[in-house]
């Protein structure tokens, strides 16, 4: 005696036969096979793409899933960029953060410096100060973008005495390594107590061989000496050559924002 077929088997058998009759029947067969797969546990969702509307809905589902996956990937990458070891990302509604030196600073005079919102600040400044770095900031969305304050003891009483004229200083910095050239320079004055100290502000295009994995970059330095304390202050900002056109205004503002307080 021939065994009776279950309703599911009958549906599958009938749908398979129907596919050889008419286009409408073929469409019904495809839908039946999807329903069979869903019922048997091989497919969690049954998509009916037998009509333009159904196909559009199915496409919308796929697009939605793709967008969700993309947002997850972007969020994951953002977390990685914001959680770099040894740095803390800081944001401000004004678009600018303000760093103020503390009692452990290498500078005998307290100072303040503005740095861009969304950048990250070095946490362990105490260790960095052993090599003359008093503050350090970095943009992990463009790792070539950095800002740092260097303070060292020197015997000379002025930038001119230590480095010569502005032109000589700029030339020596450009010639310190291959593929470098000066793209900007000017003499600046920095208020130190009741006096104005002359300093140099120089922008140098650094070649790929010197810039390392970031390729060509631009280095902006502002340097002067406090004759009373014998401290040299060097504010250094960098950016990749490609990002320099859009980053230079912010970096120049940061460098120019350095000021002694109280």
Foldseek 3Di string as FASTA:
>chain_A
DDDDDDPLVVLLVVLVVQCPPDPVSVLVSVQSVLVSCCVVPNDVDRQRPSDVVSVVVVVVVVVVVVVVVVVVVVVVVVVVLQDDPQKHAAADPVQKDKDWADPLAPDPFIKMFIAGHRKIWGDPQVVVVVVFWRTKIARSVFRQWIKTKGKDADDDQKPCVVQNDLVSNQVCVQPVDPPKHWDDKDWDWADDPPDTGIWIWTKMWAAQVVSDPLGIKIKIWIWIAHNVVRMIIIMITMGHPVCCVVCVVNSVRRRVRMHGDD
